[in-house]
Amino acid sequence: MHVQGMDSLAQIDQAVSVCTDCPLSRSRSRAVPGEGPEKAEVMFIGEAPGFNEDKQGRPFVGAAGHFLEELLASVGFRREDVYITNTVKCRPLNNRDPLPVEMAACRKYLDRQIELISPKVIVTLGRHSLVAFLPRETISKARGRPRSVNGVTIFPMFHPAAALHQQNLRQVIQEDIKKLPPLLKELSLPQEKAGGEQLSMF
């Protein structure tokens, strides 16, 4: 769906910054549209901005963001190589989970970001991001296994913040991110070589 007046990421950022389509707009310090290159091959989608993100207007700048940057570095990526955003663009009070109505209000921005960036892989971080694309899946079963949704490859992972609270998940997340470079390589193969067994390697 083409959204009027959002023909670039900069225009989306502007629209998000003045959005009042849900109650989160009343309590935010700054909206957090997302950041990264317009033609990023990989797009990371988290759940919602937290305290630090709300203050800075940037996604993943707190402890979870530092861990995400460590994860990216471990597979040869820099933060600047990927696009990072969230399912909702304003912080829910007390870092509560985003509500379905809030996610629905923000969905037009997320969908347009995906359209413009056209990533090869969307990495969903956490269960709220996962259910935005795979509503009947659970994160514990879906994590680490790519699948195609409407022609886009979705790669679910636990949210980096989960590893800050449950140390046993740190290794799981570290193992899952290692699958990203070979997945990108497989998706870059000419279709006739990849054949009908795309994504079979996992």
Protein backbone atom coordinates (compact mmCIF):
# COMPACT_ATOMS: atom_id res chain seq x y z
CA MET A 1 0.00 0.00 0.00
CA HIS A 2 1.43 3.36 -0.99
CA VAL A 3 1.08 5.94 1.75
CA GLN A 4 0.68 9.49 0.55
CA GLY A 5 3.59 11.78 1.36
CA MET A 6 5.98 9.03 2.48
CA ASP A 7 8.19 8.58 -0.57
CA SER A 8 11.49 8.42 1.34
CA LEU A 9 12.74 7.33 4.74
CA ALA A 10 13.22 10.99 5.62
CA GLN A 11 9.52 11.66 4.92
CA ILE A 12 8.54 8.68 7.07
CA ASP A 13 10.76 10.01 9.87
CA GLN A 14 9.02 13.36 9.62
CA ALA A 15 5.54 11.79 9.63
CA VAL A 16 6.41 9.65 12.66
CA SER A 17 7.82 12.62 14.56
CA VAL A 18 4.47 14.43 14.48
CA CYS A 19 2.18 11.39 14.59
CA THR A 20 -0.71 11.46 17.07
CA ASP A 21 -2.51 8.32 15.86
CA CYS A 22 -2.35 6.53 19.22
CA PRO A 23 -2.07 7.55 22.89
CA LEU A 24 1.69 6.83 23.02
CA SER A 25 2.26 10.17 21.31
CA ARG A 26 1.11 11.99 24.45
CA SER A 27 3.80 10.54 26.73
CA ARG A 28 6.80 10.31 24.42
CA SER A 29 9.84 12.58 24.61
CA ARG A 30 10.83 11.81 21.03
CA ALA A 31 9.48 9.43 18.43
CA VAL A 32 11.95 6.79 17.20
CA PRO A 33 11.34 6.11 13.50
CA GLY A 34 14.43 4.00 12.85
CA GLU A 35 17.84 4.42 11.25
CA GLY A 36 20.11 2.88 8.64
CA PRO A 37 20.76 2.89 4.89
CA GLU A 38 17.81 3.09 2.51
CA LYS A 39 18.97 0.00 0.62
CA ALA A 40 20.03 -2.16 3.57
CA GLU A 41 20.05 -5.90 2.86
CA VAL A 42 19.07 -6.65 6.45
CA MET A 43 16.37 -4.95 8.51
CA PHE A 44 16.12 -5.54 12.27
CA ILE A 45 12.69 -4.95 13.80
CA GLY A 46 12.42 -4.80 17.58
CA GLU A 47 9.37 -4.23 19.74
CA ALA A 48 9.31 -0.66 21.07
CA PRO A 49 11.67 2.14 22.12
CA GLY A 50 12.86 2.11 25.74
CA PHE A 51 13.97 4.89 28.08
CA ASN A 52 17.23 5.75 26.30
CA GLU A 53 15.68 5.52 22.86
CA ASP A 54 12.86 7.87 23.89
CA LYS A 55 15.39 10.46 25.04
CA GLN A 56 17.68 10.22 22.00
CA GLY A 57 15.16 9.48 19.25
CA ARG A 58 17.31 6.54 18.08
CA PRO A 59 16.57 2.80 18.22
CA PHE A 60 18.61 0.34 20.29
CA VAL A 61 20.94 2.73 22.10
CA GLY A 62 20.66 1.19 25.59
CA ALA A 63 22.13 -2.05 26.94
CA ALA A 64 20.18 -4.19 24.45
CA GLY A 65 21.51 -2.00 21.66
CA HIS A 66 25.09 -2.52 22.78
CA PHE A 67 24.54 -6.27 22.74
CA LEU A 68 22.99 -6.01 19.27
CA GLU A 69 26.10 -4.20 18.05
CA GLU A 70 28.25 -6.98 19.55
CA LEU A 71 26.14 -9.55 17.72
CA LEU A 72 26.48 -7.68 14.44
CA ALA A 73 30.24 -7.40 14.85
CA SER A 74 30.50 -11.12 15.53
CA VAL A 75 29.26 -11.83 11.98
CA GLY A 76 31.11 -9.02 10.24
CA PHE A 77 28.44 -6.31 10.23
CA ARG A 78 28.47 -2.79 11.57
CA ARG A 79 25.40 -1.01 12.86
CA GLU A 80 25.65 1.34 9.86
CA ASP A 81 25.21 -1.63 7.47
CA VAL A 82 21.68 -2.53 8.60
CA TYR A 83 18.37 -0.76 9.13
CA ILE A 84 17.03 -0.87 12.70
CA THR A 85 13.51 0.01 13.79
CA ASN A 86 10.63 -1.19 16.01
CA THR A 87 7.03 -2.28 15.59
CA VAL A 88 5.94 0.86 17.45
CA LYS A 89 7.82 4.13 17.18
CA CYS A 90 7.05 5.65 20.60
CA ARG A 91 7.93 4.30 24.04
CA PRO A 92 5.14 2.64 26.02
CA LEU A 93 5.13 3.94 29.60
CA ASN A 94 7.22 1.88 32.05
CA ASN A 95 8.47 -0.17 29.10
CA ARG A 96 5.29 -2.24 29.06
CA ASP A 97 4.51 -4.38 26.03
CA PRO A 98 3.04 -2.51 23.06
CA LEU A 99 -0.72 -2.99 22.71
CA PRO A 100 -2.28 -4.37 19.52
CA VAL A 101 -3.97 -1.02 18.85
CA GLU A 102 -0.61 0.76 19.12
CA MET A 103 1.07 -1.72 16.79
CA ALA A 104 -1.81 -1.33 14.33
CA ALA A 105 -1.49 2.48 14.40
CA CYS A 106 2.23 2.23 13.58
CA ARG A 107 1.93 -0.53 11.00
CA LYS A 108 1.61 1.85 8.05
CA TYR A 109 5.03 3.31 8.86
CA LEU A 110 6.64 -0.10 9.25
CA ASP A 111 5.12 -1.43 6.02
CA ARG A 112 6.29 1.62 4.10
CA GLN A 113 9.81 1.33 5.54
CA ILE A 114 9.90 -2.28 4.34
CA GLU A 115 8.64 -1.25 0.90
CA LEU A 116 11.26 1.45 0.48
CA ILE A 117 14.21 -0.53 1.87
CA SER A 118 13.22 -3.84 0.25
CA PRO A 119 15.55 -5.88 2.49
CA LYS A 120 16.63 -9.41 1.64
CA VAL A 121 16.06 -10.45 5.24
CA ILE A 122 13.92 -9.06 8.04
CA VAL A 123 15.23 -10.12 11.44
CA THR A 124 12.40 -9.95 13.98
CA LEU A 125 13.65 -9.37 17.52
CA GLY A 126 11.27 -10.67 20.18
CA ARG A 127 7.75 -12.03 20.15
CA HIS A 128 5.86 -8.82 19.36
CA SER A 129 7.93 -8.27 16.25
CA LEU A 130 7.51 -11.93 15.31
CA VAL A 131 3.70 -11.93 15.55
CA ALA A 132 3.54 -8.85 13.32
CA PHE A 133 4.55 -11.21 10.50
CA LEU A 134 3.80 -14.71 11.81
CA PRO A 135 0.83 -14.30 14.16
CA ARG A 136 0.47 -18.00 15.02
CA GLU A 137 4.14 -18.62 15.81
CA THR A 138 5.88 -18.62 19.19
CA ILE A 139 9.38 -17.19 19.51
CA SER A 140 10.82 -20.29 21.21
CA LYS A 141 9.76 -22.51 18.28
CA ALA A 142 10.31 -20.04 15.44
CA ARG A 143 13.72 -18.64 16.43
CA GLY A 144 16.65 -19.33 14.17
CA ARG A 145 14.52 -20.69 11.30
CA PRO A 146 13.99 -18.46 8.24
CA ARG A 147 10.75 -18.58 6.33
CA SER A 148 9.21 -16.60 3.50
CA VAL A 149 6.24 -14.31 4.18
CA ASN A 150 4.73 -12.50 1.19
CA GLY A 151 8.00 -12.82 -0.69
CA VAL A 152 10.15 -11.49 2.17
CA THR A 153 12.46 -13.73 4.20
CA ILE A 154 11.71 -13.44 7.92
CA PHE A 155 14.38 -14.59 10.37
CA PRO A 156 13.07 -14.65 13.96
CA MET A 157 15.41 -14.18 16.93
CA PHE A 158 15.00 -13.57 20.63
CA HIS A 159 15.19 -9.89 21.57
CA PRO A 160 18.71 -8.90 22.72
CA ALA A 161 17.15 -7.57 25.95
CA ALA A 162 16.08 -11.12 26.79
CA ALA A 163 19.74 -12.10 27.12
CA LEU A 164 20.26 -9.33 29.67
CA HIS A 165 17.64 -10.94 31.91
CA GLN A 166 18.27 -14.62 31.11
CA GLN A 167 21.94 -15.43 30.62
CA ASN A 168 21.16 -18.81 29.06
CA LEU A 169 19.58 -17.00 26.09
CA ARG A 170 22.80 -15.13 25.30
CA GLN A 171 24.36 -18.20 23.70
CA VAL A 172 21.14 -19.00 21.81
CA ILE A 173 21.10 -15.51 20.30
CA GLN A 174 24.80 -15.69 19.48
CA GLU A 175 24.27 -19.00 17.68
CA ASP A 176 21.24 -17.72 15.74
CA ILE A 177 22.99 -14.59 14.43
CA LYS A 178 25.70 -16.82 12.91
CA LYS A 179 23.08 -18.11 10.46
CA LEU A 180 22.56 -14.65 8.98
CA PRO A 181 25.60 -14.41 6.61
CA PRO A 182 25.01 -17.84 4.99
CA LEU A 183 21.30 -17.04 4.70
CA LEU A 184 22.10 -13.78 2.88
CA LYS A 185 24.51 -15.65 0.63
CA GLU A 186 21.86 -18.24 -0.22
CA LEU A 187 19.29 -15.55 -0.98
CA SER A 188 21.79 -13.85 -3.31
CA LEU A 189 22.12 -16.95 -5.49
CA PRO A 190 20.42 -16.76 -8.89
CA GLN A 191 16.94 -18.23 -8.56
CA GLU A 192 17.59 -20.97 -11.11
CA LYS A 193 20.54 -22.20 -9.02
CA ALA A 194 18.75 -21.91 -5.71
CA GLY A 195 15.80 -23.78 -7.22
CA GLY A 196 12.70 -24.59 -5.24
CA GLU A 197 14.58 -25.57 -2.09
CA GLN A 198 15.36 -22.06 -0.94
CA LEU A 199 15.98 -21.71 2.80
CA SER A 200 16.42 -25.48 3.10
CA MET A 201 19.84 -25.15 4.74
CA PHE A 202 18.26 -24.51 8.14
